Amino acid sequence: MKKVFKGIAVVIVLIMGAVGYFASRDDADQAAVGDCLKSNGTTVTPDLQVVECGAAGPSTRWSR
């Protein structure tokens, strides 16, 4: 019975790690110089995402 619970716990942790990885791929803290950013938030609660330069909607090119 303990092996079943350990197996379930491992699967849950792996799923949570995968979700976190894929959810953070477009975060602004992953931006490099030359990437374009789009703000989906406000000045109080910014929510920046890395987008393709030339994508529809306003965006800003990241420079130093």
C-alpha atoms as a PDB file:
ATOM      1  CA  MET A   1       0.000   0.000   0.000  1.00  0.00           C
ATOM      2  CA  LYS A   2       2.872   2.403   0.774  1.00  0.00           C
ATOM      3  CA  LYS A   3       4.356   1.785  -2.674  1.00  0.00           C
ATOM      4  CA  VAL A   4       1.082   2.856  -4.289  1.00  0.00           C
ATOM      5  CA  PHE A   5       1.037   6.132  -2.344  1.00  0.00           C
ATOM      6  CA  LYS A   6       4.691   6.809  -3.138  1.00  0.00           C
ATOM      7  CA  GLY A   7       4.009   6.156  -6.823  1.00  0.00           C
ATOM      8  CA  ILE A   8       1.035   8.506  -6.826  1.00  0.00           C
ATOM      9  CA  ALA A   9       3.067  11.185  -5.012  1.00  0.00           C
ATOM     10  CA  VAL A  10       5.878  10.927  -7.567  1.00  0.00           C
ATOM     11  CA  VAL A  11       3.432  11.255 -10.468  1.00  0.00           C
ATOM     12  CA  ILE A  12       1.791  14.315  -8.874  1.00  0.00           C
ATOM     13  CA  VAL A  13       5.161  16.000  -8.298  1.00  0.00           C
ATOM     14  CA  LEU A  14       6.227  15.329 -11.898  1.00  0.00           C
ATOM     15  CA  ILE A  15       2.961  16.747 -13.249  1.00  0.00           C
ATOM     16  CA  MET A  16       3.303  19.859 -11.081  1.00  0.00           C
ATOM     17  CA  GLY A  17       6.875  20.367 -12.286  1.00  0.00           C
ATOM     18  CA  ALA A  18       5.848  20.026 -15.936  1.00  0.00           C
ATOM     19  CA  VAL A  19       2.970  22.469 -15.520  1.00  0.00           C
ATOM     20  CA  GLY A  20       5.256  24.988 -13.816  1.00  0.00           C
ATOM     21  CA  TYR A  21       7.854  24.657 -16.551  1.00  0.00           C
ATOM     22  CA  PHE A  22       5.405  25.156 -19.414  1.00  0.00           C
ATOM     23  CA  ALA A  23       3.578  27.978 -17.637  1.00  0.00           C
ATOM     24  CA  SER A  24       6.790  29.950 -17.079  1.00  0.00           C
ATOM     25  CA  ARG A  25       8.312  29.612 -20.555  1.00  0.00           C
ATOM     26  CA  ASP A  26       6.828  32.933 -21.731  1.00  0.00           C
ATOM     27  CA  ASP A  27       7.577  34.893 -18.540  1.00  0.00           C
ATOM     28  CA  ALA A  28       9.405  38.195 -18.832  1.00  0.00           C
ATOM     29  CA  ASP A  29      12.224  37.004 -16.573  1.00  0.00           C
ATOM     30  CA  GLN A  30      13.137  34.565 -19.359  1.00  0.00           C
ATOM     31  CA  ALA A  31      13.424  37.395 -21.919  1.00  0.00           C
ATOM     32  CA  ALA A  32      16.702  38.016 -23.697  1.00  0.00           C
ATOM     33  CA  VAL A  33      17.895  41.184 -25.395  1.00  0.00           C
ATOM     34  CA  GLY A  34      15.995  41.536 -28.667  1.00  0.00           C
ATOM     35  CA  ASP A  35      12.874  39.663 -27.502  1.00  0.00           C
ATOM     36  CA  CYS A  36       9.514  41.409 -27.712  1.00  0.00           C
ATOM     37  CA  LEU A  37       7.308  41.744 -24.641  1.00  0.00           C
ATOM     38  CA  LYS A  38       3.575  42.300 -24.321  1.00  0.00           C
ATOM     39  CA  SER A  39       1.910  43.604 -21.173  1.00  0.00           C
ATOM     40  CA  ASN A  40      -1.381  41.959 -20.199  1.00  0.00           C
ATOM     41  CA  GLY A  41      -1.517  43.650 -16.802  1.00  0.00           C
ATOM     42  CA  THR A  42      -1.541  47.132 -15.358  1.00  0.00           C
ATOM     43  CA  THR A  43       1.182  49.392 -14.003  1.00  0.00           C
ATOM     44  CA  VAL A  44       0.289  48.212 -10.500  1.00  0.00           C
ATOM     45  CA  THR A  45       0.195  44.481 -11.348  1.00  0.00           C
ATOM     46  CA  PRO A  46       2.234  43.985 -14.525  1.00  0.00           C
ATOM     47  CA  ASP A  47       1.930  40.712 -16.409  1.00  0.00           C
ATOM     48  CA  LEU A  48       4.574  40.673 -19.126  1.00  0.00           C
ATOM     49  CA  GLN A  49       4.874  37.865 -21.651  1.00  0.00           C
ATOM     50  CA  VAL A  50       7.488  37.165 -24.295  1.00  0.00           C
ATOM     51  CA  VAL A  51       5.801  37.255 -27.713  1.00  0.00           C
ATOM     52  CA  GLU A  52       6.994  36.942 -31.287  1.00  0.00           C
ATOM     53  CA  CYS A  53       8.137  40.255 -32.693  1.00  0.00           C
ATOM     54  CA  GLY A  54       5.538  41.191 -35.283  1.00  0.00           C
ATOM     55  CA  ALA A  55       2.687  39.395 -33.473  1.00  0.00           C
ATOM     56  CA  ALA A  56      -0.699  41.100 -33.504  1.00  0.00           C
ATOM     57  CA  GLY A  57      -1.188  43.736 -30.826  1.00  0.00           C
ATOM     58  CA  PRO A  58       1.184  46.178 -29.175  1.00  0.00           C
ATOM     59  CA  SER A  59       4.546  44.914 -27.968  1.00  0.00           C
ATOM     60  CA  THR A  60       7.883  46.345 -26.875  1.00  0.00           C
ATOM     61  CA  ARG A  61      11.336  45.142 -27.924  1.00  0.00           C
ATOM     62  CA  TRP A  62      13.530  44.341 -24.905  1.00  0.00           C
ATOM     63  CA  SER A  63      16.870  46.110 -24.842  1.00  0.00           C
ATOM     64  CA  ARG A  64      19.342  45.945 -22.007  1.00  0.00           C
END
